[in-house]
Every structure is written in C-alpha cells, then in structure tokens.
C-alpha cells in the first residue's frame, strides 16, 4: 500500500515539476478494475469513457487533483488522482 501511494505521488510530482514542452508523457498501466475519464477536470463533468484494467494510458497534465490522460486509441479525458494511486509506470517492474 505504501509503495503504491509513493509511486502515485512520484508520478504526480513529475507532472507538476517539468514544463509541459520539456517532458515526454508518462505511461502507466491501469491497475484498478476500471477508471472513469471525465470530459473535464471535475466530478461535475460527464464521464466520457471508462478504461479497463491493463490498458496503458499517458499522463499529460495536472489541474488541481485531476490528471488529463490519453489512451493508446487517442481517447482523452480527466481522471481524479485517487483513481491513479494503484498505477505503475511502464519502466517499474
């Protein structure tokens, strides 16, 4: 649990530190049963799609506690950081 939380915090910290044009998107694999991608950064925005476990997503940018992500199919949406706490970077084993 602590390792998972640490990995999640590190991922979000990396998004916040580097300028958008100077960093490559961070790729992670969804570990939850699914995550909901909203059309905007907040629960008041409708859910555009749900992404299932095992799907690779790119973390693009952060706005408050919301992360904009993109799937391999090019679908974009916003997910609350709490849903990413169990994700792992592809380079982590």
PDB file of N, CA and C in Angstrom:
ATOM      1  N   UNK A   1       0.827  -1.192   0.000  1.00  0.00           N
ATOM      2  CA  UNK A   1       0.000   0.000   0.000  1.00  0.00           C
ATOM      3  C   UNK A   1       0.871   1.256   0.000  1.00  0.00           C
ATOM      4  N   UNK A   2       1.880   1.289   0.892  1.00  0.00           N
ATOM      5  CA  UNK A   2       2.743   2.460   0.961  1.00  0.00           C
ATOM      6  C   UNK A   2       3.515   2.639  -0.336  1.00  0.00           C
ATOM      7  N   UNK A   3       4.005   1.538  -0.923  1.00  0.00           N
ATOM      8  CA  UNK A   3       4.736   1.627  -2.186  1.00  0.00           C
ATOM      9  C   UNK A   3       3.830   2.165  -3.291  1.00  0.00           C
ATOM     10  N   UNK A   4       2.594   1.688  -3.314  1.00  0.00           N
ATOM     11  CA  UNK A   4       1.639   2.142  -4.321  1.00  0.00           C
ATOM     12  C   UNK A   4       1.384   3.633  -4.183  1.00  0.00           C
ATOM     13  N   UNK A   5       1.168   4.082  -2.962  1.00  0.00           N
ATOM     14  CA  UNK A   5       0.914   5.501  -2.721  1.00  0.00           C
ATOM     15  C   UNK A   5       2.138   6.326  -3.098  1.00  0.00           C
ATOM     16  N   UNK A   6       3.325   5.818  -2.765  1.00  0.00           N
ATOM     17  CA  UNK A   6       4.560   6.523  -3.103  1.00  0.00           C
ATOM     18  C   UNK A   6       4.722   6.653  -4.612  1.00  0.00           C
ATOM     19  N   UNK A   7       4.467   5.568  -5.342  1.00  0.00           N
ATOM     20  CA  UNK A   7       4.570   5.607  -6.802  1.00  0.00           C
ATOM     21  C   UNK A   7       3.585   6.619  -7.360  1.00  0.00           C
ATOM     22  N   UNK A   8       2.351   6.621  -6.856  1.00  0.00           N
ATOM     23  CA  UNK A   8       1.352   7.579  -7.322  1.00  0.00           C
ATOM     24  C   UNK A   8       1.776   9.015  -7.073  1.00  0.00           C
ATOM     25  N   UNK A   9       2.328   9.281  -5.892  1.00  0.00           N
ATOM     26  CA  UNK A   9       2.786  10.638  -5.570  1.00  0.00           C
ATOM     27  C   UNK A   9       3.956  11.041  -6.455  1.00  0.00           C
ATOM     28  N   UNK A  10       4.871  10.116  -6.717  1.00  0.00           N
ATOM     29  CA  UNK A  10       6.009  10.419  -7.584  1.00  0.00           C
ATOM     30  C   UNK A  10       5.549  10.747  -8.997  1.00  0.00           C
ATOM     31  N   UNK A  11       4.589   9.989  -9.511  1.00  0.00           N
ATOM     32  CA  UNK A  11       4.082  10.251 -10.857  1.00  0.00           C
ATOM     33  C   UNK A  11       3.477  11.643 -10.942  1.00  0.00           C
ATOM     34  N   UNK A  12       2.670  11.981  -9.949  1.00  0.00           N
ATOM     35  CA  UNK A  12       2.019  13.285  -9.973  1.00  0.00           C
ATOM     36  C   UNK A  12       3.028  14.401  -9.754  1.00  0.00           C
ATOM     37  N   UNK A  13       4.038  14.162  -8.927  1.00  0.00           N
ATOM     38  CA  UNK A  13       5.078  15.153  -8.704  1.00  0.00           C
ATOM     39  C   UNK A  13       5.859  15.448  -9.972  1.00  0.00           C
ATOM     40  N   UNK A  14       6.109  14.418 -10.771  1.00  0.00           N
ATOM     41  CA  UNK A  14       6.841  14.601 -12.019  1.00  0.00           C
ATOM     42  C   UNK A  14       6.036  15.426 -13.006  1.00  0.00           C
ATOM     43  N   UNK A  15       4.726  15.284 -12.987  1.00  0.00           N
ATOM     44  CA  UNK A  15       3.888  16.101 -13.860  1.00  0.00           C
ATOM     45  C   UNK A  15       3.946  17.568 -13.453  1.00  0.00           C
ATOM     46  N   UNK A  16       4.005  17.818 -12.170  1.00  0.00           N
ATOM     47  CA  UNK A  16       3.945  19.189 -11.684  1.00  0.00           C
ATOM     48  C   UNK A  16       5.264  19.935 -11.857  1.00  0.00           C
ATOM     49  N   UNK A  17       6.395  19.239 -11.868  1.00  0.00           N
ATOM     50  CA  UNK A  17       7.699  19.889 -11.861  1.00  0.00           C
ATOM     51  C   UNK A  17       8.177  20.302 -13.244  1.00  0.00           C
ATOM     52  N   UNK A  18       8.119  19.403 -14.200  1.00  0.00           N
ATOM     53  CA  UNK A  18       8.699  19.676 -15.523  1.00  0.00           C
ATOM     54  C   UNK A  18       7.756  20.521 -16.364  1.00  0.00           C
ATOM     55  N   UNK A  19       8.303  21.464 -17.143  1.00  0.00           N
ATOM     56  CA  UNK A  19       7.458  22.223 -18.061  1.00  0.00           C
ATOM     57  C   UNK A  19       6.846  21.295 -19.109  1.00  0.00           C
ATOM     58  N   UNK A  20       5.642  21.612 -19.546  1.00  0.00           N
ATOM     59  CA  UNK A  20       4.893  20.728 -20.440  1.00  0.00           C
ATOM     60  C   UNK A  20       5.649  20.381 -21.710  1.00  0.00           C
ATOM     61  N   UNK A  21       6.370  21.328 -22.287  1.00  0.00           N
ATOM     62  CA  UNK A  21       7.045  21.057 -23.547  1.00  0.00           C
ATOM     63  C   UNK A  21       8.390  20.351 -23.367  1.00  0.00           C
ATOM     64  N   UNK A  22       8.855  20.211 -22.134  1.00  0.00           N
ATOM     65  CA  UNK A  22      10.175  19.629 -21.894  1.00  0.00           C
ATOM     66  C   UNK A  22      10.105  18.178 -21.430  1.00  0.00           C
ATOM     67  N   UNK A  23       8.932  17.613 -21.317  1.00  0.00           N
ATOM     68  CA  UNK A  23       8.829  16.253 -20.802  1.00  0.00           C
ATOM     69  C   UNK A  23       8.019  15.372 -21.739  1.00  0.00           C
ATOM     70  N   UNK A  24       8.393  14.125 -21.771  1.00  0.00           N
ATOM     71  CA  UNK A  24       7.617  13.138 -22.512  1.00  0.00           C
ATOM     72  C   UNK A  24       6.464  12.698 -21.622  1.00  0.00           C
ATOM     73  N   UNK A  25       5.319  12.342 -22.199  1.00  0.00           N
ATOM     74  CA  UNK A  25       4.214  11.856 -21.375  1.00  0.00           C
ATOM     75  C   UNK A  25       4.645  10.629 -20.577  1.00  0.00           C
ATOM     76  N   UNK A  26       4.129  10.517 -19.367  1.00  0.00           N
ATOM     77  CA  UNK A  26       4.398   9.367 -18.514  1.00  0.00           C
ATOM     78  C   UNK A  26       3.376   8.297 -18.848  1.00  0.00           C
ATOM     79  N   UNK A  27       3.832   7.091 -19.170  1.00  0.00           N
ATOM     80  CA  UNK A  27       2.926   5.988 -19.473  1.00  0.00           C
ATOM     81  C   UNK A  27       2.769   5.104 -18.257  1.00  0.00           C
ATOM     82  N   UNK A  28       1.513   4.776 -17.943  1.00  0.00           N
ATOM     83  CA  UNK A  28       1.203   3.911 -16.815  1.00  0.00           C
ATOM     84  C   UNK A  28       0.171   2.881 -17.252  1.00  0.00           C
ATOM     85  N   UNK A  29       0.046   1.818 -16.467  1.00  0.00           N
ATOM     86  CA  UNK A  29      -0.938   0.774 -16.729  1.00  0.00           C
ATOM     87  C   UNK A  29      -2.010   0.852 -15.650  1.00  0.00           C
ATOM     88  N   UNK A  30      -3.277   0.826 -16.059  1.00  0.00           N
ATOM     89  CA  UNK A  30      -4.395   0.880 -15.120  1.00  0.00           C
ATOM     90  C   UNK A  30      -4.414  -0.406 -14.302  1.00  0.00           C
ATOM     91  N   UNK A  31      -4.412  -0.285 -12.982  1.00  0.00           N
ATOM     92  CA  UNK A  31      -4.427  -1.443 -12.090  1.00  0.00           C
ATOM     93  C   UNK A  31      -5.785  -1.654 -11.426  1.00  0.00           C
ATOM     94  N   UNK A  32      -6.607  -0.616 -11.385  1.00  0.00           N
ATOM     95  CA  UNK A  32      -7.963  -0.758 -10.841  1.00  0.00           C
ATOM     96  C   UNK A  32      -8.815  -1.555 -11.830  1.00  0.00           C
ATOM     97  N   UNK A  33      -9.995  -1.992 -11.417  1.00  0.00           N
ATOM     98  CA  UNK A  33     -10.898  -2.701 -12.332  1.00  0.00           C
ATOM     99  C   UNK A  33     -11.222  -1.806 -13.529  1.00  0.00           C
ATOM    100  N   UNK A  34     -11.368  -0.511 -13.279  1.00  0.00           N
ATOM    101  CA  UNK A  34     -11.580   0.476 -14.334  1.00  0.00           C
ATOM    102  C   UNK A  34     -11.358   1.857 -13.747  1.00  0.00           C
ATOM    103  N   UNK A  35     -11.138   2.828 -14.613  1.00  0.00           N
ATOM    104  CA  UNK A  35     -11.133   4.239 -14.209  1.00  0.00           C
ATOM    105  C   UNK A  35     -12.061   4.988 -15.149  1.00  0.00           C
ATOM    106  N   UNK A  36     -12.728   5.997 -14.608  1.00  0.00           N
ATOM    107  CA  UNK A  36     -13.635   6.822 -15.405  1.00  0.00           C
ATOM    108  C   UNK A  36     -12.909   8.057 -15.895  1.00  0.00           C
ATOM    109  N   UNK A  37     -13.003   8.320 -17.191  1.00  0.00           N
ATOM    110  CA  UNK A  37     -12.428   9.527 -17.774  1.00  0.00           C
ATOM    111  C   UNK A  37     -13.550  10.537 -17.989  1.00  0.00           C
ATOM    112  N   UNK A  38     -13.429  11.668 -17.317  1.00  0.00           N
ATOM    113  CA  UNK A  38     -14.425  12.733 -17.422  1.00  0.00           C
ATOM    114  C   UNK A  38     -14.045  13.682 -18.556  1.00  0.00           C
ATOM    115  N   UNK A  39     -15.022  14.440 -19.036  1.00  0.00           N
ATOM    116  CA  UNK A  39     -14.777  15.385 -20.126  1.00  0.00           C
ATOM    117  C   UNK A  39     -14.041  16.633 -19.664  1.00  0.00           C
ATOM    118  N   UNK A  40     -13.957  16.856 -18.374  1.00  0.00           N
ATOM    119  CA  UNK A  40     -13.247  17.997 -17.815  1.00  0.00           C
ATOM    120  C   UNK A  40     -12.727  17.662 -16.430  1.00  0.00           C
ATOM    121  N   UNK A  41     -11.947  18.561 -15.837  1.00  0.00           N
ATOM    122  CA  UNK A  41     -11.309  18.295 -14.554  1.00  0.00           C
ATOM    123  C   UNK A  41     -12.213  18.532 -13.345  1.00  0.00           C
ATOM    124  N   UNK A  42     -13.211  17.656 -13.173  1.00  0.00           N
ATOM    125  CA  UNK A  42     -14.101  17.750 -12.021  1.00  0.00           C
ATOM    126  C   UNK A  42     -15.210  16.723 -12.107  1.00  0.00           C
ATOM    127  N   UNK A  43     -15.759  16.360 -10.946  1.00  0.00           N
ATOM    128  CA  UNK A  43     -16.835  15.351 -10.912  1.00  0.00           C
ATOM    129  C   UNK A  43     -18.121  15.854 -11.571  1.00  0.00           C
ATOM    130  N   UNK A  44     -18.244  17.161 -11.721  1.00  0.00           N
ATOM    131  CA  UNK A  44     -19.414  17.729 -12.370  1.00  0.00           C
ATOM    132  C   UNK A  44     -19.432  17.528 -13.881  1.00  0.00           C
ATOM    133  N   UNK A  45     -18.295  17.169 -14.449  1.00  0.00           N
ATOM    134  CA  UNK A  45     -18.220  16.893 -15.882  1.00  0.00           C
ATOM    135  C   UNK A  45     -18.657  15.456 -16.138  1.00  0.00           C
ATOM    136  N   UNK A  46     -19.378  15.206 -17.238  1.00  0.00           N
ATOM    137  CA  UNK A  46     -19.829  13.840 -17.511  1.00  0.00           C
ATOM    138  C   UNK A  46     -18.667  12.888 -17.793  1.00  0.00           C
ATOM    139  N   UNK A  47     -18.918  11.617 -17.545  1.00  0.00           N
ATOM    140  CA  UNK A  47     -17.938  10.569 -17.846  1.00  0.00           C
ATOM    141  C   UNK A  47     -17.996  10.297 -19.344  1.00  0.00           C
ATOM    142  N   UNK A  48     -16.850  10.432 -19.995  1.00  0.00           N
ATOM    143  CA  UNK A  48     -16.775  10.201 -21.441  1.00  0.00           C
ATOM    144  C   UNK A  48     -16.615   8.714 -21.736  1.00  0.00           C
ATOM    145  N   UNK A  49     -15.679   8.074 -21.043  1.00  0.00           N
ATOM    146  CA  UNK A  49     -15.433   6.642 -21.234  1.00  0.00           C
ATOM    147  C   UNK A  49     -14.903   6.060 -19.933  1.00  0.00           C
ATOM    148  N   UNK A  50     -14.957   4.741 -19.838  1.00  0.00           N
ATOM    149  CA  UNK A  50     -14.320   4.016 -18.750  1.00  0.00           C
ATOM    150  C   UNK A  50     -13.206   3.188 -19.353  1.00  0.00           C
ATOM    151  N   UNK A  51     -12.066   3.175 -18.698  1.00  0.00           N
ATOM    152  CA  UNK A  51     -10.899   2.444 -19.182  1.00  0.00           C
ATOM    153  C   UNK A  51     -10.675   1.257 -18.247  1.00  0.00           C
ATOM    154  N   UNK A  52     -10.512   0.075 -18.827  1.00  0.00           N
ATOM    155  CA  UNK A  52     -10.400  -1.158 -18.044  1.00  0.00           C
ATOM    156  C   UNK A  52      -8.976  -1.426 -17.581  1.00  0.00           C
ATOM    157  N   UNK A  53      -8.882  -2.318 -16.605  1.00  0.00           N
ATOM    158  CA  UNK A  53      -7.592  -2.771 -16.082  1.00  0.00           C
ATOM    159  C   UNK A  53      -6.710  -3.290 -17.218  1.00  0.00           C
ATOM    160  N   UNK A  54      -5.414  -2.988 -17.124  1.00  0.00           N
ATOM    161  CA  UNK A  54      -4.454  -3.467 -18.106  1.00  0.00           C
ATOM    162  C   UNK A  54      -4.202  -2.535 -19.269  1.00  0.00           C
ATOM    163  N   UNK A  55      -5.020  -1.509 -19.411  1.00  0.00           N
ATOM    164  CA  UNK A  55      -4.855  -0.556 -20.506  1.00  0.00           C
ATOM    165  C   UNK A  55      -3.749   0.440 -20.149  1.00  0.00           C
ATOM    166  N   UNK A  56      -2.906   0.745 -21.120  1.00  0.00           N
ATOM    167  CA  UNK A  56      -1.851   1.734 -20.933  1.00  0.00           C
ATOM    168  C   UNK A  56      -2.408   3.117 -21.248  1.00  0.00           C
ATOM    169  N   UNK A  57      -2.122   4.068 -20.360  1.00  0.00           N
ATOM    170  CA  UNK A  57      -2.541   5.453 -20.569  1.00  0.00           C
ATOM    171  C   UNK A  57      -1.336   6.361 -20.375  1.00  0.00           C
ATOM    172  N   UNK A  58      -1.403   7.526 -20.992  1.00  0.00           N
ATOM    173  CA  UNK A  58      -0.375   8.553 -20.826  1.00  0.00           C
ATOM    174  C   UNK A  58      -0.914   9.646 -19.920  1.00  0.00           C
ATOM    175  N   UNK A  59      -0.104  10.066 -18.952  1.00  0.00           N
ATOM    176  CA  UNK A  59      -0.463  11.188 -18.100  1.00  0.00           C
ATOM    177  C   UNK A  59       0.052  12.443 -18.780  1.00  0.00           C
ATOM    178  N   UNK A  60      -0.850  13.351 -19.118  1.00  0.00           N
ATOM    179  CA  UNK A  60      -0.483  14.522 -19.911  1.00  0.00           C
ATOM    180  C   UNK A  60      -0.235  15.771 -19.084  1.00  0.00           C
ATOM    181  N   UNK A  61      -1.169  16.104 -18.216  1.00  0.00           N
ATOM    182  CA  UNK A  61      -1.017  17.308 -17.392  1.00  0.00           C
ATOM    183  C   UNK A  61      -1.936  17.216 -16.194  1.00  0.00           C
ATOM    184  N   UNK A  62      -1.667  18.056 -15.209  1.00  0.00           N
ATOM    185  CA  UNK A  62      -2.436  18.057 -13.974  1.00  0.00           C
ATOM    186  C   UNK A  62      -3.102  19.400 -13.768  1.00  0.00           C
ATOM    187  N   UNK A  63      -4.328  19.360 -13.276  1.00  0.00           N
ATOM    188  CA  UNK A  63      -5.055  20.569 -12.885  1.00  0.00           C
ATOM    189  C   UNK A  63      -5.718  20.257 -11.552  1.00  0.00           C
ATOM    190  N   UNK A  64      -5.247  20.877 -10.502  1.00  0.00           N
ATOM    191  CA  UNK A  64      -5.620  20.568  -9.121  1.00  0.00           C
ATOM    192  C   UNK A  64      -5.419  19.071  -8.887  1.00  0.00           C
ATOM    193  N   UNK A  65      -6.464  18.351  -8.472  1.00  0.00           N
ATOM    194  CA  UNK A  65      -6.346  16.910  -8.212  1.00  0.00           C
ATOM    195  C   UNK A  65      -6.761  16.062  -9.411  1.00  0.00           C
ATOM    196  N   UNK A  66      -6.847  16.661 -10.571  1.00  0.00           N
ATOM    197  CA  UNK A  66      -7.278  15.962 -11.779  1.00  0.00           C
ATOM    198  C   UNK A  66      -6.134  15.873 -12.775  1.00  0.00           C
ATOM    199  N   UNK A  67      -6.024  14.721 -13.426  1.00  0.00           N
ATOM    200  CA  UNK A  67      -4.964  14.461 -14.396  1.00  0.00           C
ATOM    201  C   UNK A  67      -5.609  14.225 -15.761  1.00  0.00           C
ATOM    202  N   UNK A  68      -5.124  14.930 -16.775  1.00  0.00           N
ATOM    203  CA  UNK A  68      -5.585  14.662 -18.131  1.00  0.00           C
ATOM    204  C   UNK A  68      -4.778  13.486 -18.677  1.00  0.00           C
ATOM    205  N   UNK A  69      -5.477  12.505 -19.244  1.00  0.00           N
ATOM    206  CA  UNK A  69      -4.816  11.304 -19.752  1.00  0.00           C
ATOM    207  C   UNK A  69      -5.249  11.038 -21.181  1.00  0.00           C
ATOM    208  N   UNK A  70      -4.452  10.196 -21.875  1.00  0.00           N
ATOM    209  CA  UNK A  70      -4.779   9.778 -23.241  1.00  0.00           C
ATOM    210  C   UNK A  70      -4.529   8.277 -23.334  1.00  0.00           C
ATOM    211  N   UNK A  71      -5.475   7.562 -23.957  1.00  0.00           N
ATOM    212  CA  UNK A  71      -5.309   6.129 -24.170  1.00  0.00           C
ATOM    213  C   UNK A  71      -4.531   5.901 -25.463  1.00  0.00           C
ATOM    214  N   UNK A  72      -4.126   4.669 -25.691  1.00  0.00           N
ATOM    215  CA  UNK A  72      -3.409   4.319 -26.925  1.00  0.00           C
ATOM    216  C   UNK A  72      -4.280   4.576 -28.152  1.00  0.00           C
ATOM    217  N   UNK A  73      -5.591   4.560 -27.993  1.00  0.00           N
ATOM    218  CA  UNK A  73      -6.518   4.836 -29.102  1.00  0.00           C
ATOM    219  C   UNK A  73      -6.753   6.320 -29.320  1.00  0.00           C
ATOM    220  N   UNK A  74      -6.086   7.144 -28.510  1.00  0.00           N
ATOM    221  CA  UNK A  74      -6.222   8.591 -28.675  1.00  0.00           C
ATOM    222  C   UNK A  74      -7.371   9.205 -27.907  1.00  0.00           C
ATOM    223  N   UNK A  75      -8.088   8.420 -27.118  1.00  0.00           N
ATOM    224  CA  UNK A  75      -9.180   8.957 -26.317  1.00  0.00           C
ATOM    225  C   UNK A  75      -8.590   9.740 -25.150  1.00  0.00           C
ATOM    226  N   UNK A  76      -9.133  10.922 -24.919  1.00  0.00           N
ATOM    227  CA  UNK A  76      -8.633  11.781 -23.848  1.00  0.00           C
ATOM    228  C   UNK A  76      -9.719  12.013 -22.830  1.00  0.00           C
ATOM    229  N   UNK A  77      -9.287  12.255 -21.609  1.00  0.00           N
ATOM    230  CA  UNK A  77     -10.222  12.568 -20.546  1.00  0.00           C
ATOM    231  C   UNK A  77      -9.473  12.917 -19.279  1.00  0.00           C
ATOM    232  N   UNK A  78     -10.224  13.246 -18.253  1.00  0.00           N
ATOM    233  CA  UNK A  78      -9.664  13.657 -16.965  1.00  0.00           C
ATOM    234  C   UNK A  78     -10.051  12.633 -15.908  1.00  0.00           C
ATOM    235  N   UNK A  79      -9.077  12.268 -15.093  1.00  0.00           N
ATOM    236  CA  UNK A  79      -9.305  11.291 -14.033  1.00  0.00           C
ATOM    237  C   UNK A  79      -8.805  11.879 -12.712  1.00  0.00           C
ATOM    238  N   UNK A  80      -9.537  11.626 -11.634  1.00  0.00           N
ATOM    239  CA  UNK A  80      -9.104  12.099 -10.326  1.00  0.00           C
ATOM    240  C   UNK A  80      -7.872  11.320  -9.893  1.00  0.00           C
ATOM    241  N   UNK A  81      -6.941  11.993  -9.262  1.00  0.00           N
ATOM    242  CA  UNK A  81      -5.676  11.352  -8.890  1.00  0.00           C
ATOM    243  C   UNK A  81      -5.870  10.138  -7.997  1.00  0.00           C
ATOM    244  N   UNK A  82      -6.944  10.091  -7.219  1.00  0.00           N
ATOM    245  CA  UNK A  82      -7.180   8.945  -6.341  1.00  0.00           C
ATOM    246  C   UNK A  82      -7.367   7.655  -7.139  1.00  0.00           C
ATOM    247  N   UNK A  83      -7.848   7.761  -8.381  1.00  0.00           N
ATOM    248  CA  UNK A  83      -8.020   6.574  -9.211  1.00  0.00           C
ATOM    249  C   UNK A  83      -6.704   6.104  -9.823  1.00  0.00           C
ATOM    250  N   UNK A  84      -5.652   6.892  -9.687  1.00  0.00           N
ATOM    251  CA  UNK A  84      -4.355   6.524 -10.252  1.00  0.00           C
ATOM    252  C   UNK A  84      -3.370   6.031  -9.198  1.00  0.00           C
ATOM    253  N   UNK A  85      -3.803   5.917  -7.961  1.00  0.00           N
ATOM    254  CA  UNK A  85      -2.882   5.532  -6.897  1.00  0.00           C
ATOM    255  C   UNK A  85      -2.329   4.122  -7.067  1.00  0.00           C
ATOM    256  N   UNK A  86      -3.020   3.263  -7.772  1.00  0.00           N
ATOM    257  CA  UNK A  86      -2.540   1.890  -7.965  1.00  0.00           C
ATOM    258  C   UNK A  86      -1.880   1.674  -9.318  1.00  0.00           C
ATOM    259  N   UNK A  87      -1.601   2.743 -10.045  1.00  0.00           N
ATOM    260  CA  UNK A  87      -0.948   2.595 -11.345  1.00  0.00           C
ATOM    261  C   UNK A  87       0.550   2.480 -11.160  1.00  0.00           C
ATOM    262  N   UNK A  88       1.210   1.953 -12.169  1.00  0.00           N
ATOM    263  CA  UNK A  88       2.661   1.841 -12.164  1.00  0.00           C
ATOM    264  C   UNK A  88       3.194   2.328 -13.489  1.00  0.00           C
ATOM    265  N   UNK A  89       4.339   2.979 -13.435  1.00  0.00           N
ATOM    266  CA  UNK A  89       4.999   3.373 -14.681  1.00  0.00           C
ATOM    267  C   UNK A  89       5.404   2.126 -15.404  1.00  0.00           C
ATOM    268  N   UNK A  90       5.449   2.185 -16.707  1.00  0.00           N
ATOM    269  CA  UNK A  90       5.845   1.028 -17.502  1.00  0.00           C
ATOM    270  C   UNK A  90       7.287   0.623 -17.220  1.00  0.00           C
ATOM    271  N   UNK A  91       8.124   1.549 -16.799  1.00  0.00           N
ATOM    272  CA  UNK A  91       9.513   1.212 -16.513  1.00  0.00           C
ATOM    273  C   UNK A  91       9.675   0.567 -15.152  1.00  0.00           C
ATOM    274  N   UNK A  92       8.646   0.647 -14.277  1.00  0.00           N
ATOM    275  CA  UNK A  92       8.692  -0.021 -12.974  1.00  0.00           C
ATOM    276  C   UNK A  92       8.333  -1.491 -13.178  1.00  0.00           C
ATOM    277  N   UNK A  93       8.986  -2.370 -12.471  1.00  0.00           N
ATOM    278  CA  UNK A  93       8.656  -3.790 -12.608  1.00  0.00           C
ATOM    279  C   UNK A  93       8.047  -4.320 -11.351  1.00  0.00           C
TER     280      UNK A  93
END
